[in-house]
C-alpha atoms as a PDB file:
ATOM      1  CA  MET A   1     -67.532  14.877   8.479  1.00  0.00           C
ATOM      2  CA  ALA A   2     -66.757  17.800  10.686  1.00  0.00           C
ATOM      3  CA  ALA A   3     -63.879  15.866  12.199  1.00  0.00           C
ATOM      4  CA  VAL A   4     -62.419  15.257   8.733  1.00  0.00           C
ATOM      5  CA  ASP A   5     -62.741  18.947   7.831  1.00  0.00           C
ATOM      6  CA  SER A   6     -61.116  19.920  11.119  1.00  0.00           C
ATOM      7  CA  PHE A   7     -58.189  17.587  10.479  1.00  0.00           C
ATOM      8  CA  GLN A   8     -57.651  18.959   6.960  1.00  0.00           C
ATOM      9  CA  LEU A   9     -57.774  22.502   8.284  1.00  0.00           C
ATOM     10  CA  LEU A  10     -55.286  21.639  11.038  1.00  0.00           C
ATOM     11  CA  TYR A  11     -52.990  19.993   8.507  1.00  0.00           C
ATOM     12  CA  ARG A  12     -53.065  23.058   6.250  1.00  0.00           C
ATOM     13  CA  GLU A  13     -52.277  25.346   9.169  1.00  0.00           C
ATOM     14  CA  ILE A  14     -49.349  23.170  10.280  1.00  0.00           C
ATOM     15  CA  SER A  15     -48.018  22.953   6.715  1.00  0.00           C
ATOM     16  CA  ARG A  16     -48.292  26.704   6.318  1.00  0.00           C
ATOM     17  CA  SER A  17     -46.474  27.436   9.597  1.00  0.00           C
ATOM     18  CA  CYS A  18     -43.763  24.770   9.026  1.00  0.00           C
ATOM     19  CA  GLY A  19     -43.270  25.435   5.327  1.00  0.00           C
ATOM     20  CA  PHE A  20     -40.030  27.325   5.987  1.00  0.00           C
ATOM     21  CA  TYR A  21     -38.565  24.371   7.913  1.00  0.00           C
ATOM     22  CA  PHE A  22     -39.582  21.907   5.206  1.00  0.00           C
ATOM     23  CA  GLU A  23     -37.870  24.042   2.583  1.00  0.00           C
ATOM     24  CA  THR A  24     -34.748  24.316   4.751  1.00  0.00           C
ATOM     25  CA  LEU A  25     -34.585  20.557   5.239  1.00  0.00           C
ATOM     26  CA  ALA A  26     -35.067  20.029   1.500  1.00  0.00           C
ATOM     27  CA  LEU A  27     -32.229  22.463   0.789  1.00  0.00           C
ATOM     28  CA  VAL A  28     -29.941  20.684   3.287  1.00  0.00           C
ATOM     29  CA  GLY A  29     -30.792  17.323   1.705  1.00  0.00           C
ATOM     30  CA  ALA A  30     -30.084  18.673  -1.774  1.00  0.00           C
ATOM     31  CA  LEU A  31     -26.721  20.106  -0.653  1.00  0.00           C
ATOM     32  CA  TYR A  32     -25.767  16.811   1.000  1.00  0.00           C
ATOM     33  CA  THR A  33     -26.722  14.836  -2.103  1.00  0.00           C
ATOM     34  CA  ALA A  34     -24.754  17.236  -4.295  1.00  0.00           C
ATOM     35  CA  SER A  35     -21.681  16.963  -2.039  1.00  0.00           C
ATOM     36  CA  ARG A  36     -21.791  13.151  -2.144  1.00  0.00           C
ATOM     37  CA  ALA A  37     -22.136  13.292  -5.935  1.00  0.00           C
ATOM     38  CA  VAL A  38     -19.083  15.589  -6.165  1.00  0.00           C
ATOM     39  CA  ILE A  39     -17.076  13.255  -3.918  1.00  0.00           C
ATOM     40  CA  LEU A  40     -18.106  10.250  -6.030  1.00  0.00           C
ATOM     41  CA  LEU A  41     -17.126  12.088  -9.214  1.00  0.00           C
ATOM     42  CA  ARG A  42     -13.792  13.072  -7.674  1.00  0.00           C
ATOM     43  CA  ASP A  43     -13.069   9.475  -6.641  1.00  0.00           C
ATOM     44  CA  CYS A  44     -13.928   8.220 -10.139  1.00  0.00           C
ATOM     45  CA  CYS A  45     -11.613  10.803 -11.717  1.00  0.00           C
ATOM     46  CA  MET A  46      -8.878   9.807  -9.260  1.00  0.00           C
ATOM     47  CA  LEU A  47      -9.366   6.135 -10.123  1.00  0.00           C
ATOM     48  CA  VAL A  48      -8.941   6.867 -13.822  1.00  0.00           C
ATOM     49  CA  ARG A  49      -5.981   9.206 -13.291  1.00  0.00           C
ATOM     50  CA  VAL A  50      -4.036   6.830 -11.030  1.00  0.00           C
ATOM     51  CA  HIS A  51      -4.836   3.393 -12.454  1.00  0.00           C
ATOM     52  CA  PHE A  52      -5.787   3.774 -16.113  1.00  0.00           C
ATOM     53  CA  LEU A  53      -4.173   6.846 -17.682  1.00  0.00           C
ATOM     54  CA  PRO A  54      -0.579   5.871 -16.741  1.00  0.00           C
ATOM     55  CA  ARG A  55      -1.087   2.508 -18.490  1.00  0.00           C
ATOM     56  CA  MET A  56      -2.542   4.160 -21.598  1.00  0.00           C
ATOM     57  CA  ILE A  57      -0.251   7.183 -22.003  1.00  0.00           C
ATOM     58  CA  PRO A  58       3.428   6.475 -22.805  1.00  0.00           C
ATOM     59  CA  SER A  59       5.951   7.946 -20.352  1.00  0.00           C
ATOM     60  CA  LYS A  60       9.712   8.083 -19.916  1.00  0.00           C
ATOM     61  CA  ARG A  61      11.595   4.913 -19.062  1.00  0.00           C
ATOM     62  CA  LEU A  62      11.868   4.209 -15.346  1.00  0.00           C
ATOM     63  CA  SER A  63      15.662   4.384 -15.521  1.00  0.00           C
ATOM     64  CA  GLN A  64      15.469   7.888 -16.992  1.00  0.00           C
ATOM     65  CA  ARG A  65      12.960   9.076 -14.410  1.00  0.00           C
ATOM     66  CA  PHE A  66      14.507   7.574 -11.294  1.00  0.00           C
ATOM     67  CA  GLY A  67      17.769   5.665 -11.852  1.00  0.00           C
ATOM     68  CA  ASP A  68      19.419   2.481 -13.114  1.00  0.00           C
ATOM     69  CA  TRP A  69      19.498   0.421  -9.906  1.00  0.00           C
ATOM     70  CA  ALA A  70      17.028  -0.693  -7.258  1.00  0.00           C
ATOM     71  CA  VAL A  71      17.594  -1.903  -3.701  1.00  0.00           C
ATOM     72  CA  VAL A  72      14.976  -4.467  -2.644  1.00  0.00           C
ATOM     73  CA  TYR A  73      14.496  -5.592   0.949  1.00  0.00           C
ATOM     74  CA  GLY A  74      12.072  -8.442   1.668  1.00  0.00           C
ATOM     75  CA  ALA A  75      12.291 -10.152  -1.736  1.00  0.00           C
ATOM     76  CA  SER A  76      11.424 -13.500  -0.148  1.00  0.00           C
ATOM     77  CA  GLU A  77       7.833 -12.223  -0.085  1.00  0.00           C
ATOM     78  CA  PRO A  78       5.861 -12.968  -3.305  1.00  0.00           C
ATOM     79  CA  VAL A  79       4.821  -9.330  -3.809  1.00  0.00           C
ATOM     80  CA  ALA A  80       8.352  -7.932  -3.437  1.00  0.00           C
ATOM     81  CA  LYS A  81       9.732 -10.670  -5.694  1.00  0.00           C
ATOM     82  CA  ALA A  82       7.156  -9.826  -8.379  1.00  0.00           C
ATOM     83  CA  TYR A  83       7.887  -6.096  -8.001  1.00  0.00           C
ATOM     84  CA  ALA A  84      11.624  -6.754  -8.425  1.00  0.00           C
ATOM     85  CA  GLU A  85      10.905  -8.821 -11.539  1.00  0.00           C
ATOM     86  CA  GLU A  86       8.815  -5.996 -12.974  1.00  0.00           C
ATOM     87  CA  LEU A  87      11.689  -3.563 -12.351  1.00  0.00           C
ATOM     88  CA  ALA A  88      14.093  -5.984 -14.041  1.00  0.00           C
ATOM     89  CA  ARG A  89      11.719  -6.195 -17.014  1.00  0.00           C
ATOM     90  CA  HIS A  90      12.206  -2.434 -17.372  1.00  0.00           C
ATOM     91  CA  GLY A  91      15.995  -2.878 -17.418  1.00  0.00           C
ATOM     92  CA  ILE A  92      16.680  -1.946 -13.779  1.00  0.00           C
ATOM     93  CA  GLY A  93      19.570  -3.673 -11.980  1.00  0.00           C
ATOM     94  CA  ILE A  94      18.631  -5.138  -8.590  1.00  0.00           C
ATOM     95  CA  ILE A  95      20.506  -5.232  -5.275  1.00  0.00           C
ATOM     96  CA  PHE A  96      18.765  -7.752  -3.042  1.00  0.00           C
ATOM     97  CA  VAL A  97      19.198  -7.370   0.726  1.00  0.00           C
ATOM     98  CA  THR A  98      18.292 -10.514   2.636  1.00  0.00           C
ATOM     99  CA  ARG A  99      18.923 -12.208   5.962  1.00  0.00           C
ATOM    100  CA  GLY A 100      20.072 -15.353   4.168  1.00  0.00           C
ATOM    101  CA  ASP A 101      17.056 -16.731   2.311  1.00  0.00           C
ATOM    102  CA  THR A 102      18.305 -19.040  -0.452  1.00  0.00           C
ATOM    103  CA  SER A 103      15.225 -18.330  -2.584  1.00  0.00           C
ATOM    104  CA  VAL A 104      16.451 -14.750  -3.038  1.00  0.00           C
ATOM    105  CA  ARG A 105      19.653 -16.037  -4.649  1.00  0.00           C
ATOM    106  CA  ASP A 106      17.585 -18.156  -7.009  1.00  0.00           C
ATOM    107  CA  THR A 107      15.447 -15.127  -7.858  1.00  0.00           C
ATOM    108  CA  ALA A 108      18.531 -12.998  -8.554  1.00  0.00           C
ATOM    109  CA  ALA A 109      20.024 -15.638 -10.857  1.00  0.00           C
ATOM    110  CA  SER A 110      16.704 -16.062 -12.659  1.00  0.00           C
ATOM    111  CA  LEU A 111      16.296 -12.312 -13.298  1.00  0.00           C
ATOM    112  CA  SER A 112      19.837 -12.031 -14.632  1.00  0.00           C
ATOM    113  CA  GLN A 113      19.267 -14.910 -17.006  1.00  0.00           C
ATOM    114  CA  ILE A 114      15.813 -13.875 -18.257  1.00  0.00           C
ATOM    115  CA  TYR A 115      16.140 -10.083 -18.472  1.00  0.00           C
ATOM    116  CA  GLY A 116      19.913  -9.663 -18.789  1.00  0.00           C
ATOM    117  CA  VAL A 117      20.196  -7.241 -15.870  1.00  0.00           C
ATOM    118  CA  GLU A 118      22.870  -7.159 -13.184  1.00  0.00           C
ATOM    119  CA  THR A 119      21.863  -8.473  -9.789  1.00  0.00           C
ATOM    120  CA  VAL A 120      23.670  -8.414  -6.447  1.00  0.00           C
ATOM    121  CA  VAL A 121      22.722 -10.302  -3.276  1.00  0.00           C
ATOM    122  CA  ILE A 122      23.790  -8.830   0.069  1.00  0.00           C
ATOM    123  CA  LEU A 123      23.498 -10.847   3.274  1.00  0.00           C
ATOM    124  CA  ALA A 124      22.634  -8.482   6.119  1.00  0.00           C
ATOM    125  CA  ASP A 125      21.054  -9.292   9.472  1.00  0.00           C
ATOM    126  CA  PHE A 126      20.612  -6.063  11.405  1.00  0.00           C
ATOM    127  CA  ALA A 127      19.476  -7.988  14.484  1.00  0.00           C
ATOM    128  CA  LEU A 128      22.838  -9.770  14.804  1.00  0.00           C
ATOM    129  CA  ASP A 129      25.289  -7.327  13.293  1.00  0.00           C
ATOM    130  CA  GLN A 130      25.107  -3.574  13.787  1.00  0.00           C
ATOM    131  CA  ALA A 131      27.683  -3.192  11.000  1.00  0.00           C
ATOM    132  CA  ALA A 132      25.402  -4.868   8.435  1.00  0.00           C
ATOM    133  CA  SER A 133      24.893  -1.517   6.758  1.00  0.00           C
ATOM    134  CA  LYS A 134      28.550  -1.386   5.648  1.00  0.00           C
ATOM    135  CA  ALA A 135      28.056  -4.177   3.104  1.00  0.00           C
ATOM    136  CA  ILE A 136      24.983  -2.408   1.703  1.00  0.00           C
ATOM    137  CA  ILE A 137      26.791   0.929   1.419  1.00  0.00           C
ATOM    138  CA  GLU A 138      29.696  -0.785  -0.340  1.00  0.00           C
ATOM    139  CA  ALA A 139      27.352  -2.512  -2.800  1.00  0.00           C
ATOM    140  CA  MET A 140      25.677   0.807  -3.640  1.00  0.00           C
ATOM    141  CA  ARG A 141      28.946   2.647  -4.173  1.00  0.00           C
ATOM    142  CA  GLY A 142      29.245   4.044  -7.703  1.00  0.00           C
ATOM    143  CA  LYS A 143      25.714   2.948  -8.686  1.00  0.00           C
ATOM    144  CA  ASP A 144      22.810   5.184  -9.696  1.00  0.00           C
ATOM    145  CA  ILE A 145      20.336   3.958  -7.092  1.00  0.00           C
ATOM    146  CA  GLY A 146      16.907   5.077  -8.212  1.00  0.00           C
ATOM    147  CA  PHE A 147      14.611   2.762  -6.239  1.00  0.00           C
ATOM    148  CA  LEU A 148      14.249   1.393  -2.747  1.00  0.00           C
ATOM    149  CA  VAL A 149      11.565  -1.244  -2.156  1.00  0.00           C
ATOM    150  CA  ASN A 150      10.694  -2.344   1.393  1.00  0.00           C
ATOM    151  CA  CYS A 151       8.119  -5.104   1.855  1.00  0.00           C
ATOM    152  CA  LEU A 152       6.216  -6.173   4.941  1.00  0.00           C
ATOM    153  CA  ASP A 153       6.536  -9.740   6.213  1.00  0.00           C
ATOM    154  CA  GLU A 154       3.568 -11.789   4.948  1.00  0.00           C
ATOM    155  CA  SER A 155       3.500 -13.932   8.111  1.00  0.00           C
ATOM    156  CA  LEU A 156       1.940 -10.992   9.988  1.00  0.00           C
ATOM    157  CA  ALA A 157      -1.335 -11.665   8.174  1.00  0.00           C
ATOM    158  CA  SER A 158      -1.936 -14.836  10.225  1.00  0.00           C
ATOM    159  CA  PRO A 159      -4.359 -14.178  13.116  1.00  0.00           C
ATOM    160  CA  GLN A 160      -2.580 -14.328  16.456  1.00  0.00           C
ATOM    161  CA  SER A 161      -3.244 -12.727  19.814  1.00  0.00           C
ATOM    162  CA  LEU A 162      -0.540 -10.389  21.086  1.00  0.00           C
ATOM    163  CA  ILE A 163      -0.178 -12.203  24.419  1.00  0.00           C
ATOM    164  CA  GLU A 164       0.308 -15.525  22.600  1.00  0.00           C
ATOM    165  CA  MET A 165       3.390 -14.302  20.745  1.00  0.00           C
ATOM    166  CA  PRO A 166       6.787 -15.087  22.305  1.00  0.00           C
ATOM    167  CA  GLU A 167       8.743 -11.969  23.233  1.00  0.00           C
ATOM    168  CA  GLN A 168      11.650 -12.793  20.933  1.00  0.00           C
ATOM    169  CA  SER A 169       9.331 -13.372  17.969  1.00  0.00           C
ATOM    170  CA  LEU A 170       7.657 -10.042  18.656  1.00  0.00           C
ATOM    171  CA  LEU A 171      11.018  -8.249  18.795  1.00  0.00           C
ATOM    172  CA  ASP A 172      12.102  -9.933  15.552  1.00  0.00           C
ATOM    173  CA  LEU A 173       8.903  -8.848  13.795  1.00  0.00           C
ATOM    174  CA  VAL A 174       9.264  -5.246  14.939  1.00  0.00           C
ATOM    175  CA  ASN A 175      12.942  -5.223  13.960  1.00  0.00           C
ATOM    176  CA  LYS A 176      12.303  -6.753  10.532  1.00  0.00           C
ATOM    177  CA  ASN A 177       9.219  -4.754   9.548  1.00  0.00           C
ATOM    178  CA  VAL A 178       9.745  -1.423  11.269  1.00  0.00           C
ATOM    179  CA  ALA A 179      13.363  -0.839  12.246  1.00  0.00           C
ATOM    180  CA  VAL A 180      15.060  -2.347   9.186  1.00  0.00           C
ATOM    181  CA  ALA A 181      12.740  -0.588   6.719  1.00  0.00           C
ATOM    182  CA  THR A 182      13.592   2.711   8.424  1.00  0.00           C
ATOM    183  CA  VAL A 183      17.340   1.982   8.421  1.00  0.00           C
ATOM    184  CA  MET A 184      17.263   0.930   4.754  1.00  0.00           C
ATOM    185  CA  THR A 185      15.619   4.229   3.869  1.00  0.00           C
ATOM    186  CA  ARG A 186      18.251   6.079   5.887  1.00  0.00           C
ATOM    187  CA  LEU A 187      21.020   4.306   3.938  1.00  0.00           C
ATOM    188  CA  VAL A 188      19.629   4.874   0.431  1.00  0.00           C
ATOM    189  CA  LEU A 189      18.103   8.336   0.789  1.00  0.00           C
ATOM    190  CA  PRO A 190      21.303  10.473   0.892  1.00  0.00           C
ATOM    191  CA  GLY A 191      22.374   9.338  -2.597  1.00  0.00           C
ATOM    192  CA  MET A 192      18.914  10.055  -3.982  1.00  0.00           C
ATOM    193  CA  VAL A 193      18.909  13.523  -2.453  1.00  0.00           C
ATOM    194  CA  GLU A 194      22.332  14.199  -3.915  1.00  0.00           C
ATOM    195  CA  ARG A 195      21.110  13.240  -7.416  1.00  0.00           C
ATOM    196  CA  SER A 196      17.723  14.953  -6.860  1.00  0.00           C
ATOM    197  CA  ARG A 197      15.770  11.924  -8.074  1.00  0.00           C
ATOM    198  CA  GLY A 198      14.653   8.542  -6.812  1.00  0.00           C
ATOM    199  CA  ALA A 199      11.673   6.561  -5.548  1.00  0.00           C
ATOM    200  CA  VAL A 200      11.070   4.861  -2.187  1.00  0.00           C
ATOM    201  CA  VAL A 201       8.282   2.260  -2.253  1.00  0.00           C
ATOM    202  CA  ASN A 202       7.026   0.791   1.019  1.00  0.00           C
ATOM    203  CA  ILE A 203       4.686  -2.163   0.478  1.00  0.00           C
ATOM    204  CA  SER A 204       2.522  -2.805   3.531  1.00  0.00           C
ATOM    205  CA  SER A 205      -1.164  -3.745   3.608  1.00  0.00           C
ATOM    206  CA  GLY A 206      -4.664  -2.310   3.527  1.00  0.00           C
ATOM    207  CA  ALA A 207      -4.908  -3.438   7.169  1.00  0.00           C
ATOM    208  CA  CYS A 208      -3.501  -0.017   8.103  1.00  0.00           C
ATOM    209  CA  CYS A 209      -6.852   1.572   7.196  1.00  0.00           C
ATOM    210  CA  ARG A 210      -8.978  -0.083   9.891  1.00  0.00           C
ATOM    211  CA  PRO A 211      -8.206  -1.999  13.136  1.00  0.00           C
ATOM    212  CA  MET A 212      -8.573  -5.764  12.974  1.00  0.00           C
ATOM    213  CA  PRO A 213      -8.958  -8.088  15.997  1.00  0.00           C
ATOM    214  CA  GLY A 214      -6.307 -10.800  16.198  1.00  0.00           C
ATOM    215  CA  ARG A 215      -3.970  -8.864  13.904  1.00  0.00           C
ATOM    216  CA  VAL A 216      -2.519  -6.276  16.244  1.00  0.00           C
ATOM    217  CA  THR A 217       1.044  -6.569  14.928  1.00  0.00           C
ATOM    218  CA  LEU A 218      -0.137  -6.394  11.315  1.00  0.00           C
ATOM    219  CA  THR A 219      -2.253  -3.284  11.908  1.00  0.00           C
ATOM    220  CA  ALA A 220       0.517  -1.567  13.893  1.00  0.00           C
ATOM    221  CA  SER A 221       3.340  -2.401  11.461  1.00  0.00           C
ATOM    222  CA  THR A 222       1.376  -1.408   8.369  1.00  0.00           C
ATOM    223  CA  GLY A 223       0.234   1.772  10.116  1.00  0.00           C
ATOM    224  CA  TYR A 224       3.852   2.692  10.822  1.00  0.00           C
ATOM    225  CA  LEU A 225       5.024   2.070   7.257  1.00  0.00           C
ATOM    226  CA  ASP A 226       2.059   3.991   5.836  1.00  0.00           C
ATOM    227  CA  HIS A 227       2.569   7.079   8.015  1.00  0.00           C
ATOM    228  CA  PHE A 228       6.349   6.842   7.655  1.00  0.00           C
ATOM    229  CA  SER A 229       5.972   6.933   3.868  1.00  0.00           C
ATOM    230  CA  ARG A 230       3.529   9.827   3.889  1.00  0.00           C
ATOM    231  CA  ALA A 231       5.697  11.898   6.238  1.00  0.00           C
ATOM    232  CA  LEU A 232       8.793  11.088   4.185  1.00  0.00           C
ATOM    233  CA  HIS A 233       7.060  12.142   0.973  1.00  0.00           C
ATOM    234  CA  LEU A 234       6.003  15.408   2.574  1.00  0.00           C
ATOM    235  CA  GLU A 235       9.590  16.093   3.635  1.00  0.00           C
ATOM    236  CA  TYR A 236      11.495  15.030   0.495  1.00  0.00           C
ATOM    237  CA  SER A 237       9.102  15.465  -2.435  1.00  0.00           C
ATOM    238  CA  GLY A 238      10.475  18.975  -2.908  1.00  0.00           C
ATOM    239  CA  ARG A 239      13.942  17.482  -3.444  1.00  0.00           C
ATOM    240  CA  GLY A 240      12.908  15.237  -6.316  1.00  0.00           C
ATOM    241  CA  ILE A 241      12.267  12.099  -4.234  1.00  0.00           C
ATOM    242  CA  PHE A 242       8.973  10.285  -4.722  1.00  0.00           C
ATOM    243  CA  VAL A 243       7.905   8.216  -1.700  1.00  0.00           C
ATOM    244  CA  GLN A 244       4.988   5.844  -2.213  1.00  0.00           C
ATOM    245  CA  SER A 245       2.948   3.877   0.303  1.00  0.00           C
ATOM    246  CA  LEU A 246       1.438   0.788  -1.321  1.00  0.00           C
ATOM    247  CA  ILE A 247      -1.450  -0.636   0.714  1.00  0.00           C
ATOM    248  CA  PRO A 248      -2.748  -3.687  -1.178  1.00  0.00           C
ATOM    249  CA  PHE A 249      -5.551  -5.909   0.036  1.00  0.00           C
ATOM    250  CA  GLN A 250      -5.573  -9.675  -0.584  1.00  0.00           C
ATOM    251  CA  ILE A 251      -3.002 -10.942  -3.079  1.00  0.00           C
ATOM    252  CA  ALA A 252      -2.981 -14.598  -4.087  1.00  0.00           C
ATOM    253  CA  SER A 253       0.074 -16.546  -3.043  1.00  0.00           C
ATOM    254  CA  GLY A 254       2.113 -18.545  -5.489  1.00  0.00           C
ATOM    255  CA  GLY A 255       1.343 -21.737  -3.622  1.00  0.00           C
ATOM    256  CA  GLN A 256      -0.777 -24.364  -5.347  1.00  0.00           C
ATOM    257  CA  GLN A 257      -3.119 -24.635  -2.368  1.00  0.00           C
ATOM    258  CA  LEU A 258      -4.198 -21.008  -2.819  1.00  0.00           C
ATOM    259  CA  SER A 259      -4.530 -21.015  -6.575  1.00  0.00           C
ATOM    260  CA  SER A 260      -8.323 -21.253  -6.302  1.00  0.00           C
ATOM    261  CA  ARG A 261      -8.401 -17.902  -4.501  1.00  0.00           C
ATOM    262  CA  GLN A 262      -6.855 -16.058  -7.406  1.00  0.00           C
ATOM    263  CA  GLY A 263      -9.281 -13.749  -9.101  1.00  0.00           C
ATOM    264  CA  TRP A 264     -10.324 -10.222  -9.757  1.00  0.00           C
ATOM    265  CA  PHE A 265      -9.973  -9.037  -6.138  1.00  0.00           C
ATOM    266  CA  ALA A 266      -7.083 -11.392  -5.299  1.00  0.00           C
ATOM    267  CA  PRO A 267      -4.634 -11.061  -8.210  1.00  0.00           C
ATOM    268  CA  LYS A 268      -1.435 -12.975  -8.720  1.00  0.00           C
ATOM    269  CA  PRO A 269       1.659 -11.122  -7.420  1.00  0.00           C
ATOM    270  CA  GLU A 270       2.845 -10.597 -11.012  1.00  0.00           C
ATOM    271  CA  VAL A 271      -0.448  -8.977 -12.007  1.00  0.00           C
ATOM    272  CA  TYR A 272      -0.435  -6.758  -8.939  1.00  0.00           C
ATOM    273  CA  ALA A 273       3.177  -5.655  -9.490  1.00  0.00           C
ATOM    274  CA  ARG A 274       2.443  -4.740 -13.107  1.00  0.00           C
ATOM    275  CA  HIS A 275      -0.431  -2.507 -12.016  1.00  0.00           C
ATOM    276  CA  ALA A 276       1.375  -1.067  -8.988  1.00  0.00           C
ATOM    277  CA  ILE A 277       4.487   0.003 -10.852  1.00  0.00           C
ATOM    278  CA  SER A 278       2.373   2.014 -13.292  1.00  0.00           C
ATOM    279  CA  THR A 279       1.242   4.223 -10.371  1.00  0.00           C
ATOM    280  CA  LEU A 280       4.836   5.126  -9.469  1.00  0.00           C
ATOM    281  CA  GLY A 281       5.244   8.870  -9.709  1.00  0.00           C
ATOM    282  CA  VAL A 282       1.469   9.359  -9.944  1.00  0.00           C
ATOM    283  CA  SER A 283       0.101   8.719  -6.440  1.00  0.00           C
ATOM    284  CA  ASN A 284       2.093   8.699  -3.213  1.00  0.00           C
ATOM    285  CA  ARG A 285      -0.537   6.580  -1.394  1.00  0.00           C
ATOM    286  CA  THR A 286      -2.507   3.960  -3.263  1.00  0.00           C
ATOM    287  CA  THR A 287      -3.583   0.345  -3.182  1.00  0.00           C
ATOM    288  CA  GLY A 288      -1.703  -0.113  -6.465  1.00  0.00           C
ATOM    289  CA  TYR A 289      -4.510  -2.110  -8.055  1.00  0.00           C
ATOM    290  CA  TRP A 290      -7.827  -0.612  -9.105  1.00  0.00           C
ATOM    291  CA  PRO A 291     -10.182  -3.372  -7.790  1.00  0.00           C
ATOM    292  CA  HIS A 292      -8.466  -2.928  -4.413  1.00  0.00           C
ATOM    293  CA  THR A 293      -9.149   0.806  -4.674  1.00  0.00           C
ATOM    294  CA  LEU A 294     -12.840  -0.023  -5.082  1.00  0.00           C
ATOM    295  CA  GLN A 295     -12.601  -2.173  -1.941  1.00  0.00           C
ATOM    296  CA  TYR A 296     -10.897   0.665  -0.102  1.00  0.00           C
ATOM    297  CA  GLY A 297     -13.617   3.112  -1.147  1.00  0.00           C
ATOM    298  CA  LEU A 298     -16.319   0.726   0.057  1.00  0.00           C
ATOM    299  CA  MET A 299     -14.508   0.188   3.352  1.00  0.00           C
ATOM    300  CA  ARG A 300     -14.391   3.940   3.979  1.00  0.00           C
ATOM    301  CA  CYS A 301     -18.192   4.071   3.704  1.00  0.00           C
ATOM    302  CA  ILE A 302     -18.663   1.526   6.499  1.00  0.00           C
ATOM    303  CA  PRO A 303     -18.828   3.012  10.031  1.00  0.00           C
ATOM    304  CA  GLU A 304     -15.965   1.791  12.190  1.00  0.00           C
ATOM    305  CA  TRP A 305     -18.218   0.160  14.782  1.00  0.00           C
ATOM    306  CA  ILE A 306     -19.862  -1.964  12.069  1.00  0.00           C
ATOM    307  CA  TRP A 307     -16.412  -2.827  10.678  1.00  0.00           C
ATOM    308  CA  VAL A 308     -15.125  -3.930  14.113  1.00  0.00           C
ATOM    309  CA  LEU A 309     -18.252  -5.985  14.761  1.00  0.00           C
ATOM    310  CA  GLY A 310     -17.971  -7.684  11.372  1.00  0.00           C
ATOM    311  CA  SER A 311     -14.253  -8.388  11.779  1.00  0.00           C
ATOM    312  CA  ARG A 312     -14.799  -9.953  15.190  1.00  0.00           C
ATOM    313  CA  LEU A 313     -17.494 -12.169  13.728  1.00  0.00           C
ATOM    314  CA  PHE A 314     -15.210 -13.117  10.834  1.00  0.00           C
ATOM    315  CA  VAL A 315     -12.303 -13.963  13.155  1.00  0.00           C
ATOM    316  CA  SER A 316     -14.557 -16.072  15.427  1.00  0.00           C
ATOM    317  CA  LEU A 317     -15.871 -18.068  12.438  1.00  0.00           C
ATOM    318  CA  SER A 318     -12.474 -18.584  10.797  1.00  0.00           C
END
């Protein structure tokens, strides 16, 4: 009994002497909880402002806000094709720049027939012809170019070790996804600056947010386009140019073999484009699709070492 009384007395003495520290720790915990609640509230408000309000509140026509024509590079990719179709649905004429993909010609003819907009197809291979830009400049002459859309090559998403890639294939990928996107921006930007309006949209991938084993070229290329867009927006936003970095996660392909993967977190390209274009002029860096924004928020909460460990496990099992 004496031992029990001694323990209770000791406990009261320790509690009395450490009461200040307990109160301090409780205060720190309360402040941390409050800060996380504020961050969560801010993210929820941002989600509503970027993805829901623009679709609910009527705004000016895209042609009035930015211009009557769009230049699209990479329209052979399903996402860029769907984005071009969404622009055409809003009455925007399209100038397609391609290396010679016949599907782009079919897309241009289809958009002209369905939406009644003008379309132009320019064959330009910057890897073979340094004067390829002349044809693009000539096609843009006299047109109110309000949009430039650059899209990353979808083939980068396939897992492949860097040392397994042939040198020429690596150079082609860097030229197509990094150099050409930069040159295209250099060609279109002066006219936008002169008119003090326009939008540059670079569509890359959410892979720029975290490193992924087996996808070195994808992570590097998307990282370049993302930072290029953000730096460009910082430099030219004061001149009336809106530069947006779109970083979507998984988007279902149009192929029949992938139709089962279509769903809430893997939308069809048409669904994604419809959501993404509503964020134009609202957010300069976004996933473009609100379920992807939820994925991005969850990914930010995961420590990088856990993310790397999980991605390695995923790559080894796939």
